[in-house]
C-alpha atoms as a PDB file:
ATOM      1  CA  UNK A   1     250.693-224.741  11.076  1.00  0.00           C
ATOM      2  CA  UNK A   2     254.257-224.429  12.239  1.00  0.00           C
ATOM      3  CA  UNK A   3     255.504-227.882  11.187  1.00  0.00           C
ATOM      4  CA  UNK A   4     257.477-227.482   7.894  1.00  0.00           C
ATOM      5  CA  UNK A   5     256.397-230.966   6.781  1.00  0.00           C
ATOM      6  CA  UNK A   6     252.722-230.091   7.279  1.00  0.00           C
ATOM      7  CA  UNK A   7     253.167-226.828   5.352  1.00  0.00           C
ATOM      8  CA  UNK A   8     254.795-228.674   2.463  1.00  0.00           C
ATOM      9  CA  UNK A   9     252.016-231.267   2.354  1.00  0.00           C
ATOM     10  CA  UNK A  10     249.319-228.548   2.356  1.00  0.00           C
ATOM     11  CA  UNK A  11     251.088-226.702  -0.461  1.00  0.00           C
ATOM     12  CA  UNK A  12     251.245-229.870  -2.511  1.00  0.00           C
ATOM     13  CA  UNK A  13     247.510-230.482  -1.966  1.00  0.00           C
ATOM     14  CA  UNK A  14     246.710-226.902  -3.011  1.00  0.00           C
ATOM     15  CA  UNK A  15     248.802-227.186  -6.186  1.00  0.00           C
ATOM     16  CA  UNK A  16     247.117-230.484  -6.890  1.00  0.00           C
ATOM     17  CA  UNK A  17     243.646-228.904  -6.632  1.00  0.00           C
ATOM     18  CA  UNK A  18     244.692-226.011  -8.898  1.00  0.00           C
ATOM     19  CA  UNK A  19     246.201-228.365 -11.466  1.00  0.00           C
ATOM     20  CA  UNK A  20     243.068-230.491 -11.473  1.00  0.00           C
ATOM     21  CA  UNK A  21     240.897-227.402 -11.900  1.00  0.00           C
ATOM     22  CA  UNK A  22     243.075-226.126 -14.752  1.00  0.00           C
ATOM     23  CA  UNK A  23     243.016-229.481 -16.496  1.00  0.00           C
ATOM     24  CA  UNK A  24     239.253-229.657 -16.075  1.00  0.00           C
ATOM     25  CA  UNK A  25     238.786-226.207 -17.588  1.00  0.00           C
ATOM     26  CA  UNK A  26     241.156-227.046 -20.439  1.00  0.00           C
ATOM     27  CA  UNK A  27     239.346-230.313 -21.133  1.00  0.00           C
ATOM     28  CA  UNK A  28     235.981-228.525 -21.133  1.00  0.00           C
ATOM     29  CA  UNK A  29     237.306-226.021 -23.632  1.00  0.00           C
ATOM     30  CA  UNK A  30     238.822-228.549 -26.019  1.00  0.00           C
ATOM     31  CA  UNK A  31     235.578-229.313 -27.932  1.00  0.00           C
ATOM     32  CA  UNK A  32     234.957-225.592 -28.458  1.00  0.00           C
ATOM     33  CA  UNK A  33     238.562-225.068 -29.511  1.00  0.00           C
ATOM     34  CA  UNK A  34     238.352-227.976 -31.946  1.00  0.00           C
ATOM     35  CA  UNK A  35     235.073-226.643 -33.334  1.00  0.00           C
ATOM     36  CA  UNK A  36     236.591-223.195 -33.814  1.00  0.00           C
ATOM     37  CA  UNK A  37     239.583-224.690 -35.614  1.00  0.00           C
ATOM     38  CA  UNK A  38     237.324-226.852 -37.808  1.00  0.00           C
ATOM     39  CA  UNK A  39     235.062-223.949 -38.755  1.00  0.00           C
ATOM     40  CA  UNK A  40     235.625-222.816 -42.330  1.00  0.00           C
ATOM     41  CA  UNK A  41     234.837-219.464 -43.871  1.00  0.00           C
ATOM     42  CA  UNK A  42     234.303-218.213 -47.406  1.00  0.00           C
ATOM     43  CA  UNK A  43     235.157-214.540 -47.818  1.00  0.00           C
ATOM     44  CA  UNK A  44     233.123-212.966 -50.608  1.00  0.00           C
ATOM     45  CA  UNK A  45     233.872-209.652 -52.259  1.00  0.00           C
ATOM     46  CA  UNK A  46     230.976-207.750 -53.784  1.00  0.00           C
ATOM     47  CA  UNK A  47     230.345-204.361 -55.316  1.00  0.00           C
ATOM     48  CA  UNK A  48     227.624-201.896 -54.412  1.00  0.00           C
ATOM     49  CA  UNK A  49     225.191-203.466 -56.810  1.00  0.00           C
ATOM     50  CA  UNK A  50     224.278-206.726 -58.509  1.00  0.00           C
ATOM     51  CA  UNK A  51     223.366-210.340 -57.849  1.00  0.00           C
ATOM     52  CA  UNK A  52     225.702-210.803 -54.894  1.00  0.00           C
ATOM     53  CA  UNK A  53     224.031-207.880 -53.118  1.00  0.00           C
ATOM     54  CA  UNK A  54     220.648-209.562 -53.573  1.00  0.00           C
ATOM     55  CA  UNK A  55     222.079-212.842 -52.274  1.00  0.00           C
ATOM     56  CA  UNK A  56     223.620-211.078 -49.291  1.00  0.00           C
ATOM     57  CA  UNK A  57     220.300-209.435 -48.497  1.00  0.00           C
ATOM     58  CA  UNK A  58     218.417-212.747 -48.666  1.00  0.00           C
ATOM     59  CA  UNK A  59     220.593-214.612 -46.144  1.00  0.00           C
ATOM     60  CA  UNK A  60     220.124-217.810 -48.177  1.00  0.00           C
ATOM     61  CA  UNK A  61     223.819-218.535 -48.606  1.00  0.00           C
ATOM     62  CA  UNK A  62     224.499-218.367 -44.874  1.00  0.00           C
ATOM     63  CA  UNK A  63     221.739-220.907 -44.210  1.00  0.00           C
ATOM     64  CA  UNK A  64     222.973-223.263 -46.921  1.00  0.00           C
ATOM     65  CA  UNK A  65     226.609-223.164 -45.847  1.00  0.00           C
ATOM     66  CA  UNK A  66     225.832-223.452 -42.135  1.00  0.00           C
ATOM     67  CA  UNK A  67     224.972-227.102 -42.822  1.00  0.00           C
ATOM     68  CA  UNK A  68     228.491-227.498 -44.234  1.00  0.00           C
ATOM     69  CA  UNK A  69     230.068-225.848 -41.190  1.00  0.00           C
ATOM     70  CA  UNK A  70     231.066-222.795 -43.229  1.00  0.00           C
ATOM     71  CA  UNK A  71     230.650-219.137 -42.287  1.00  0.00           C
ATOM     72  CA  UNK A  72     230.239-216.340 -44.843  1.00  0.00           C
ATOM     73  CA  UNK A  73     232.109-213.057 -44.578  1.00  0.00           C
ATOM     74  CA  UNK A  74     231.135-210.218 -46.942  1.00  0.00           C
ATOM     75  CA  UNK A  75     233.415-207.338 -48.009  1.00  0.00           C
ATOM     76  CA  UNK A  76     232.315-204.418 -50.200  1.00  0.00           C
ATOM     77  CA  UNK A  77     234.612-202.947 -52.870  1.00  0.00           C
ATOM     78  CA  UNK A  78     234.100-199.784 -54.968  1.00  0.00           C
ATOM     79  CA  UNK A  79     234.941-201.480 -58.283  1.00  0.00           C
ATOM     80  CA  UNK A  80     236.147-204.676 -59.934  1.00  0.00           C
ATOM     81  CA  UNK A  81     239.877-203.819 -60.061  1.00  0.00           C
ATOM     82  CA  UNK A  82     240.106-203.215 -56.310  1.00  0.00           C
ATOM     83  CA  UNK A  83     238.029-206.329 -55.618  1.00  0.00           C
ATOM     84  CA  UNK A  84     240.412-208.483 -57.627  1.00  0.00           C
ATOM     85  CA  UNK A  85     243.362-206.863 -55.911  1.00  0.00           C
ATOM     86  CA  UNK A  86     241.787-208.086 -52.669  1.00  0.00           C
ATOM     87  CA  UNK A  87     241.473-211.547 -54.210  1.00  0.00           C
ATOM     88  CA  UNK A  88     245.121-211.467 -55.246  1.00  0.00           C
ATOM     89  CA  UNK A  89     246.459-210.490 -51.825  1.00  0.00           C
ATOM     90  CA  UNK A  90     244.296-213.053 -50.061  1.00  0.00           C
ATOM     91  CA  UNK A  91     241.768-210.843 -48.269  1.00  0.00           C
ATOM     92  CA  UNK A  92     238.839-212.533 -50.077  1.00  0.00           C
ATOM     93  CA  UNK A  93     238.297-215.924 -51.716  1.00  0.00           C
ATOM     94  CA  UNK A  94     235.493-215.271 -54.193  1.00  0.00           C
ATOM     95  CA  UNK A  95     234.013-212.257 -55.931  1.00  0.00           C
ATOM     96  CA  UNK A  96     232.494-210.725 -59.019  1.00  0.00           C
ATOM     97  CA  UNK A  97     233.808-208.340 -61.654  1.00  0.00           C
ATOM     98  CA  UNK A  98     233.213-207.414 -65.253  1.00  0.00           C
ATOM     99  CA  UNK A  99     235.181-208.400 -68.328  1.00  0.00           C
ATOM    100  CA  UNK A 100     238.154-206.059 -68.058  1.00  0.00           C
ATOM    101  CA  UNK A 101     239.230-206.345 -64.384  1.00  0.00           C
ATOM    102  CA  UNK A 102     240.290-210.029 -64.528  1.00  0.00           C
ATOM    103  CA  UNK A 103     242.328-209.272 -67.650  1.00  0.00           C
ATOM    104  CA  UNK A 104     244.205-206.469 -65.900  1.00  0.00           C
ATOM    105  CA  UNK A 105     244.608-208.674 -62.824  1.00  0.00           C
ATOM    106  CA  UNK A 106     245.939-211.613 -64.819  1.00  0.00           C
ATOM    107  CA  UNK A 107     248.377-209.301 -66.598  1.00  0.00           C
ATOM    108  CA  UNK A 108     249.597-208.281 -63.147  1.00  0.00           C
ATOM    109  CA  UNK A 109     250.214-211.979 -62.356  1.00  0.00           C
ATOM    110  CA  UNK A 110     247.186-212.450 -60.079  1.00  0.00           C
ATOM    111  CA  UNK A 111     246.494-216.178 -59.653  1.00  0.00           C
ATOM    112  CA  UNK A 112     242.735-216.136 -60.142  1.00  0.00           C
ATOM    113  CA  UNK A 113     240.310-218.388 -61.984  1.00  0.00           C
ATOM    114  CA  UNK A 114     236.983-217.881 -63.742  1.00  0.00           C
ATOM    115  CA  UNK A 115     234.272-220.038 -62.143  1.00  0.00           C
ATOM    116  CA  UNK A 116     231.085-218.713 -63.778  1.00  0.00           C
ATOM    117  CA  UNK A 117     229.444-215.794 -65.539  1.00  0.00           C
ATOM    118  CA  UNK A 118     226.098-214.102 -66.023  1.00  0.00           C
ATOM    119  CA  UNK A 119     224.477-213.410 -69.421  1.00  0.00           C
ATOM    120  CA  UNK A 120     225.414-210.270 -71.373  1.00  0.00           C
ATOM    121  CA  UNK A 121     223.927-206.967 -70.196  1.00  0.00           C
ATOM    122  CA  UNK A 122     225.230-204.393 -72.701  1.00  0.00           C
ATOM    123  CA  UNK A 123     222.745-201.681 -71.698  1.00  0.00           C
ATOM    124  CA  UNK A 124     224.124-201.709 -68.152  1.00  0.00           C
ATOM    125  CA  UNK A 125     227.048-199.447 -69.075  1.00  0.00           C
ATOM    126  CA  UNK A 126     227.228-196.321 -71.194  1.00  0.00           C
ATOM    127  CA  UNK A 127     229.060-193.185 -72.267  1.00  0.00           C
ATOM    128  CA  UNK A 128     227.139-190.251 -70.835  1.00  0.00           C
ATOM    129  CA  UNK A 129     227.339-186.466 -71.118  1.00  0.00           C
ATOM    130  CA  UNK A 130     225.758-183.645 -69.072  1.00  0.00           C
ATOM    131  CA  UNK A 131     222.168-182.887 -70.055  1.00  0.00           C
ATOM    132  CA  UNK A 132     223.100-179.542 -71.648  1.00  0.00           C
ATOM    133  CA  UNK A 133     226.193-180.853 -73.443  1.00  0.00           C
ATOM    134  CA  UNK A 134     226.604-179.890 -77.115  1.00  0.00           C
ATOM    135  CA  UNK A 135     228.050-183.338 -77.867  1.00  0.00           C
ATOM    136  CA  UNK A 136     225.667-185.419 -79.946  1.00  0.00           C
ATOM    137  CA  UNK A 137     227.667-188.532 -80.874  1.00  0.00           C
ATOM    138  CA  UNK A 138     230.706-190.569 -79.932  1.00  0.00           C
ATOM    139  CA  UNK A 139     232.570-188.953 -82.838  1.00  0.00           C
ATOM    140  CA  UNK A 140     232.290-185.635 -80.979  1.00  0.00           C
ATOM    141  CA  UNK A 141     234.534-186.994 -78.227  1.00  0.00           C
ATOM    142  CA  UNK A 142     237.707-186.342 -80.241  1.00  0.00           C
ATOM    143  CA  UNK A 143     239.939-184.063 -78.191  1.00  0.00           C
ATOM    144  CA  UNK A 144     237.516-184.123 -75.247  1.00  0.00           C
ATOM    145  CA  UNK A 145     238.066-185.109 -71.611  1.00  0.00           C
ATOM    146  CA  UNK A 146     236.495-188.457 -70.791  1.00  0.00           C
ATOM    147  CA  UNK A 147     236.621-190.110 -67.377  1.00  0.00           C
ATOM    148  CA  UNK A 148     236.452-193.792 -66.545  1.00  0.00           C
ATOM    149  CA  UNK A 149     237.630-196.258 -63.915  1.00  0.00           C
ATOM    150  CA  UNK A 150     240.854-197.736 -65.241  1.00  0.00           C
ATOM    151  CA  UNK A 151     240.633-201.461 -65.837  1.00  0.00           C
ATOM    152  CA  UNK A 152     236.842-201.697 -65.542  1.00  0.00           C
ATOM    153  CA  UNK A 153     234.416-202.998 -68.169  1.00  0.00           C
ATOM    154  CA  UNK A 154     233.744-199.479 -69.370  1.00  0.00           C
ATOM    155  CA  UNK A 155     237.363-199.213 -70.482  1.00  0.00           C
ATOM    156  CA  UNK A 156     236.661-201.665 -73.281  1.00  0.00           C
ATOM    157  CA  UNK A 157     233.328-199.988 -74.076  1.00  0.00           C
ATOM    158  CA  UNK A 158     235.118-196.714 -74.780  1.00  0.00           C
ATOM    159  CA  UNK A 159     237.685-198.462 -76.984  1.00  0.00           C
ATOM    160  CA  UNK A 160     234.982-200.179 -79.083  1.00  0.00           C
ATOM    161  CA  UNK A 161     232.739-197.105 -79.288  1.00  0.00           C
ATOM    162  CA  UNK A 162     235.620-194.940 -80.509  1.00  0.00           C
ATOM    163  CA  UNK A 163     236.641-197.620 -82.984  1.00  0.00           C
ATOM    164  CA  UNK A 164     233.127-197.709 -84.431  1.00  0.00           C
ATOM    165  CA  UNK A 165     233.095-193.909 -84.690  1.00  0.00           C
ATOM    166  CA  UNK A 166     236.460-193.890 -86.462  1.00  0.00           C
ATOM    167  CA  UNK A 167     238.242-192.130 -83.609  1.00  0.00           C
ATOM    168  CA  UNK A 168     241.681-193.170 -82.398  1.00  0.00           C
ATOM    169  CA  UNK A 169     241.809-193.971 -78.699  1.00  0.00           C
ATOM    170  CA  UNK A 170     244.833-191.681 -78.374  1.00  0.00           C
ATOM    171  CA  UNK A 171     242.778-188.755 -79.709  1.00  0.00           C
ATOM    172  CA  UNK A 172     240.651-188.680 -76.556  1.00  0.00           C
ATOM    173  CA  UNK A 173     241.879-187.229 -73.271  1.00  0.00           C
ATOM    174  CA  UNK A 174     241.157-190.144 -70.931  1.00  0.00           C
ATOM    175  CA  UNK A 175     241.153-189.400 -67.211  1.00  0.00           C
ATOM    176  CA  UNK A 176     241.197-192.316 -64.770  1.00  0.00           C
ATOM    177  CA  UNK A 177     238.796-191.662 -61.900  1.00  0.00           C
ATOM    178  CA  UNK A 178     236.962-193.924 -59.454  1.00  0.00           C
ATOM    179  CA  UNK A 179     233.149-193.672 -59.684  1.00  0.00           C
ATOM    180  CA  UNK A 180     232.719-191.307 -56.723  1.00  0.00           C
ATOM    181  CA  UNK A 181     235.428-188.933 -57.952  1.00  0.00           C
ATOM    182  CA  UNK A 182     234.147-189.086 -61.518  1.00  0.00           C
ATOM    183  CA  UNK A 183     230.606-188.297 -60.367  1.00  0.00           C
ATOM    184  CA  UNK A 184     231.859-185.210 -58.514  1.00  0.00           C
ATOM    185  CA  UNK A 185     233.860-184.038 -61.538  1.00  0.00           C
ATOM    186  CA  UNK A 186     230.896-184.720 -63.835  1.00  0.00           C
ATOM    187  CA  UNK A 187     228.630-182.588 -61.632  1.00  0.00           C
ATOM    188  CA  UNK A 188     231.189-179.757 -61.532  1.00  0.00           C
ATOM    189  CA  UNK A 189     231.337-179.681 -65.303  1.00  0.00           C
ATOM    190  CA  UNK A 190     235.006-180.716 -65.322  1.00  0.00           C
ATOM    191  CA  UNK A 191     234.348-183.579 -67.748  1.00  0.00           C
ATOM    192  CA  UNK A 192     232.994-183.706 -71.266  1.00  0.00           C
ATOM    193  CA  UNK A 193     231.872-187.312 -70.829  1.00  0.00           C
ATOM    194  CA  UNK A 194     231.862-190.147 -68.326  1.00  0.00           C
ATOM    195  CA  UNK A 195     231.928-193.865 -69.114  1.00  0.00           C
ATOM    196  CA  UNK A 196     230.151-195.657 -66.287  1.00  0.00           C
ATOM    197  CA  UNK A 197     228.098-198.688 -65.264  1.00  0.00           C
ATOM    198  CA  UNK A 198     224.966-199.326 -63.203  1.00  0.00           C
ATOM    199  CA  UNK A 199     223.882-198.309 -60.644  1.00  0.00           C
ATOM    200  CA  UNK A 200     226.083-195.198 -61.039  1.00  0.00           C
ATOM    201  CA  UNK A 201     224.783-194.890 -64.591  1.00  0.00           C
ATOM    202  CA  UNK A 202     221.136-195.013 -63.504  1.00  0.00           C
ATOM    203  CA  UNK A 203     221.855-192.529 -60.703  1.00  0.00           C
ATOM    204  CA  UNK A 204     223.406-190.054 -63.149  1.00  0.00           C
ATOM    205  CA  UNK A 205     220.428-190.413 -65.475  1.00  0.00           C
ATOM    206  CA  UNK A 206     217.799-190.017 -62.760  1.00  0.00           C
ATOM    207  CA  UNK A 207     219.489-187.472 -60.512  1.00  0.00           C
ATOM    208  CA  UNK A 208     221.548-185.387 -62.936  1.00  0.00           C
ATOM    209  CA  UNK A 209     219.598-185.778 -66.150  1.00  0.00           C
ATOM    210  CA  UNK A 210     222.679-187.211 -67.837  1.00  0.00           C
ATOM    211  CA  UNK A 211     222.245-188.083 -71.507  1.00  0.00           C
ATOM    212  CA  UNK A 212     223.478-191.348 -73.051  1.00  0.00           C
ATOM    213  CA  UNK A 213     225.712-190.972 -76.100  1.00  0.00           C
ATOM    214  CA  UNK A 214     226.054-194.742 -76.487  1.00  0.00           C
ATOM    215  CA  UNK A 215     225.567-197.797 -74.336  1.00  0.00           C
ATOM    216  CA  UNK A 216     227.122-201.202 -74.912  1.00  0.00           C
ATOM    217  CA  UNK A 217     224.414-202.495 -77.244  1.00  0.00           C
ATOM    218  CA  UNK A 218     226.034-203.799 -80.401  1.00  0.00           C
ATOM    219  CA  UNK A 219     229.503-203.009 -79.059  1.00  0.00           C
ATOM    220  CA  UNK A 220     230.243-205.162 -76.013  1.00  0.00           C
ATOM    221  CA  UNK A 221     228.701-208.061 -74.129  1.00  0.00           C
ATOM    222  CA  UNK A 222     229.312-206.646 -70.639  1.00  0.00           C
ATOM    223  CA  UNK A 223     229.496-210.001 -68.892  1.00  0.00           C
ATOM    224  CA  UNK A 224     229.744-210.230 -65.137  1.00  0.00           C
ATOM    225  CA  UNK A 225     232.176-212.933 -64.057  1.00  0.00           C
ATOM    226  CA  UNK A 226     232.448-214.857 -60.830  1.00  0.00           C
ATOM    227  CA  UNK A 227     236.063-215.449 -59.882  1.00  0.00           C
ATOM    228  CA  UNK A 228     238.002-217.160 -57.125  1.00  0.00           C
ATOM    229  CA  UNK A 229     241.597-217.447 -56.080  1.00  0.00           C
ATOM    230  CA  UNK A 230     243.052-220.547 -57.704  1.00  0.00           C
ATOM    231  CA  UNK A 231     244.151-222.092 -54.410  1.00  0.00           C
ATOM    232  CA  UNK A 232     240.716-221.605 -52.829  1.00  0.00           C
ATOM    233  CA  UNK A 233     238.847-222.960 -55.851  1.00  0.00           C
ATOM    234  CA  UNK A 234     241.056-226.053 -56.055  1.00  0.00           C
ATOM    235  CA  UNK A 235     240.834-226.822 -52.329  1.00  0.00           C
ATOM    236  CA  UNK A 236     237.159-225.914 -51.870  1.00  0.00           C
ATOM    237  CA  UNK A 237     235.406-226.966 -55.066  1.00  0.00           C
ATOM    238  CA  UNK A 238     232.265-228.016 -53.174  1.00  0.00           C
ATOM    239  CA  UNK A 239     231.921-224.646 -51.429  1.00  0.00           C
ATOM    240  CA  UNK A 240     232.407-222.770 -54.695  1.00  0.00           C
ATOM    241  CA  UNK A 241     229.768-224.972 -56.334  1.00  0.00           C
ATOM    242  CA  UNK A 242     227.318-224.244 -53.506  1.00  0.00           C
ATOM    243  CA  UNK A 243     227.927-220.491 -53.772  1.00  0.00           C
ATOM    244  CA  UNK A 244     227.287-220.594 -57.519  1.00  0.00           C
ATOM    245  CA  UNK A 245     224.158-222.702 -57.001  1.00  0.00           C
ATOM    246  CA  UNK A 246     222.762-220.177 -54.521  1.00  0.00           C
ATOM    247  CA  UNK A 247     223.599-217.313 -56.882  1.00  0.00           C
ATOM    248  CA  UNK A 248     221.721-219.114 -59.643  1.00  0.00           C
ATOM    249  CA  UNK A 249     218.708-219.655 -57.376  1.00  0.00           C
ATOM    250  CA  UNK A 250     218.570-215.993 -56.375  1.00  0.00           C
ATOM    251  CA  UNK A 251     219.037-215.021 -60.031  1.00  0.00           C
ATOM    252  CA  UNK A 252     216.074-217.111 -61.131  1.00  0.00           C
ATOM    253  CA  UNK A 253     213.943-215.671 -58.342  1.00  0.00           C
ATOM    254  CA  UNK A 254     215.069-212.131 -59.169  1.00  0.00           C
ATOM    255  CA  UNK A 255     214.139-212.421 -62.833  1.00  0.00           C
ATOM    256  CA  UNK A 256     210.525-213.102 -61.767  1.00  0.00           C
ATOM    257  CA  UNK A 257     210.314-210.628 -58.876  1.00  0.00           C
ATOM    258  CA  UNK A 258     211.731-207.266 -59.975  1.00  0.00           C
ATOM    259  CA  UNK A 259     209.674-205.201 -57.475  1.00  0.00           C
ATOM    260  CA  UNK A 260     211.066-207.271 -54.595  1.00  0.00           C
ATOM    261  CA  UNK A 261     214.558-207.013 -56.081  1.00  0.00           C
ATOM    262  CA  UNK A 262     214.199-203.245 -56.145  1.00  0.00           C
ATOM    263  CA  UNK A 263     213.204-203.268 -52.478  1.00  0.00           C
ATOM    264  CA  UNK A 264     216.170-205.443 -51.473  1.00  0.00           C
ATOM    265  CA  UNK A 265     218.715-203.449 -53.470  1.00  0.00           C
ATOM    266  CA  UNK A 266     217.316-200.141 -52.241  1.00  0.00           C
ATOM    267  CA  UNK A 267     217.747-201.301 -48.648  1.00  0.00           C
ATOM    268  CA  UNK A 268     221.189-202.793 -49.222  1.00  0.00           C
ATOM    269  CA  UNK A 269     222.658-199.922 -51.256  1.00  0.00           C
ATOM    270  CA  UNK A 270     220.914-196.889 -49.799  1.00  0.00           C
ATOM    271  CA  UNK A 271     220.145-195.667 -53.325  1.00  0.00           C
ATOM    272  CA  UNK A 272     216.823-194.130 -54.342  1.00  0.00           C
ATOM    273  CA  UNK A 273     214.248-196.707 -55.425  1.00  0.00           C
ATOM    274  CA  UNK A 274     213.751-195.113 -58.869  1.00  0.00           C
ATOM    275  CA  UNK A 275     217.495-195.401 -59.505  1.00  0.00           C
ATOM    276  CA  UNK A 276     217.542-199.032 -58.397  1.00  0.00           C
ATOM    277  CA  UNK A 277     214.432-199.875 -60.424  1.00  0.00           C
ATOM    278  CA  UNK A 278     215.992-198.527 -63.637  1.00  0.00           C
ATOM    279  CA  UNK A 279     219.245-200.385 -63.046  1.00  0.00           C
ATOM    280  CA  UNK A 280     217.516-203.622 -62.011  1.00  0.00           C
ATOM    281  CA  UNK A 281     215.702-203.762 -65.354  1.00  0.00           C
ATOM    282  CA  UNK A 282     219.087-203.818 -67.095  1.00  0.00           C
ATOM    283  CA  UNK A 283     220.589-206.588 -64.979  1.00  0.00           C
ATOM    284  CA  UNK A 284     221.148-209.978 -66.587  1.00  0.00           C
ATOM    285  CA  UNK A 285     220.076-212.922 -64.451  1.00  0.00           C
ATOM    286  CA  UNK A 286     221.315-216.505 -64.470  1.00  0.00           C
ATOM    287  CA  UNK A 287     224.679-218.138 -63.771  1.00  0.00           C
ATOM    288  CA  UNK A 288     226.321-219.989 -66.639  1.00  0.00           C
ATOM    289  CA  UNK A 289     229.467-222.118 -66.925  1.00  0.00           C
ATOM    290  CA  UNK A 290     232.395-220.282 -68.493  1.00  0.00           C
ATOM    291  CA  UNK A 291     232.396-221.635 -72.061  1.00  0.00           C
ATOM    292  CA  UNK A 292     235.229-221.640 -74.615  1.00  0.00           C
ATOM    293  CA  UNK A 293     233.291-219.003 -76.585  1.00  0.00           C
ATOM    294  CA  UNK A 294     233.180-216.641 -73.603  1.00  0.00           C
ATOM    295  CA  UNK A 295     236.889-217.179 -72.939  1.00  0.00           C
ATOM    296  CA  UNK A 296     237.582-216.473 -76.617  1.00  0.00           C
ATOM    297  CA  UNK A 297     235.737-213.156 -76.262  1.00  0.00           C
ATOM    298  CA  UNK A 298     237.839-212.390 -73.185  1.00  0.00           C
ATOM    299  CA  UNK A 299     240.970-213.122 -75.199  1.00  0.00           C
ATOM    300  CA  UNK A 300     239.912-210.571 -77.819  1.00  0.00           C
ATOM    301  CA  UNK A 301     239.568-207.925 -75.119  1.00  0.00           C
ATOM    302  CA  UNK A 302     242.952-208.863 -73.668  1.00  0.00           C
ATOM    303  CA  UNK A 303     244.595-208.622 -77.083  1.00  0.00           C
ATOM    304  CA  UNK A 304     243.140-205.141 -77.667  1.00  0.00           C
ATOM    305  CA  UNK A 305     244.376-203.945 -74.274  1.00  0.00           C
ATOM    306  CA  UNK A 306     247.829-205.335 -75.029  1.00  0.00           C
ATOM    307  CA  UNK A 307     247.937-203.575 -78.399  1.00  0.00           C
ATOM    308  CA  UNK A 308     247.018-200.276 -76.736  1.00  0.00           C
ATOM    309  CA  UNK A 309     249.679-200.881 -74.041  1.00  0.00           C
ATOM    310  CA  UNK A 310     246.968-200.719 -71.374  1.00  0.00           C
ATOM    311  CA  UNK A 311     248.306-203.929 -69.846  1.00  0.00           C
ATOM    312  CA  UNK A 312     252.033-204.635 -69.406  1.00  0.00           C
ATOM    313  CA  UNK A 313     252.110-207.920 -71.309  1.00  0.00           C
ATOM    314  CA  UNK A 314     250.061-210.241 -73.443  1.00  0.00           C
ATOM    315  CA  UNK A 315     248.175-212.936 -71.584  1.00  0.00           C
ATOM    316  CA  UNK A 316     246.515-216.231 -72.350  1.00  0.00           C
ATOM    317  CA  UNK A 317     243.072-216.075 -70.736  1.00  0.00           C
ATOM    318  CA  UNK A 318     242.809-219.892 -70.834  1.00  0.00           C
ATOM    319  CA  UNK A 319     245.500-219.971 -68.140  1.00  0.00           C
ATOM    320  CA  UNK A 320     242.881-218.614 -65.725  1.00  0.00           C
ATOM    321  CA  UNK A 321     240.488-221.521 -66.291  1.00  0.00           C
ATOM    322  CA  UNK A 322     240.631-224.638 -64.121  1.00  0.00           C
ATOM    323  CA  UNK A 323     240.941-227.710 -66.303  1.00  0.00           C
ATOM    324  CA  UNK A 324     238.680-230.509 -64.960  1.00  0.00           C
ATOM    325  CA  UNK A 325     240.584-233.523 -63.698  1.00  0.00           C
ATOM    326  CA  UNK A 326     240.080-236.675 -65.741  1.00  0.00           C
END
């Protein structure tokens, strides 16, 4: 094809075919692209144990939200404080923690909201000592080294237990350690006592023969709260409501099927079944709305932490509750 005009015409035809093919491919991909953009996701933070682990193991939430066009992404955290840090920085939308973590988070200006809670489970956390320890009561902790996870529920348990025993909080040598590090120190004999929650508590009892000096009975409620980032909760109220509804359903089922719960949690956590069985018996089941009475109890905890200078400022817990629109 030596004629320049013929060459130019052929080139134009070729470009036309390529353009048509590209447009066709782009058009074919547009529905998928639109679907991908429309797809929502709820990112849920959970800890190694508890109701959310049972829900995750059941797959029920994924099925329910699939109808809404929503995916579920799960992220595990070692404790409540780190989970709420994830909530604050935007890596998750929803999660669970005990009483103390949201107080510490709110004092650090985290914009979170309480969206539900489970009933009290005071026996699910305790102050424990090695099986051969000479310590016989909480009063014996004066001057001793006690480990706990800073900002967790057990922080308040220690405060209340010492108060009841007539011991000043400052008279105890408190060491802040994450559960794994505290367990290692406890086994080495580097600690006089450890304040810890299930399933770590049950594991220490079953595997190490740890002895309970005092659990939360008569001292603390040990609520588990469900929390969300304020922006997510306000923009996705329906999704949050569905998540809470599925949690409640799995809670009701769990309360009637403890052997099956033990099987699920054993598989999900990798813990021994006897450890899981002990801890599962101490779980509280059933989602409840966050009432003014529960918030008032949270305020008492916050005030104590402020007095002890454990948080940098006083907070108003009510600020972390979404006020229903009229």
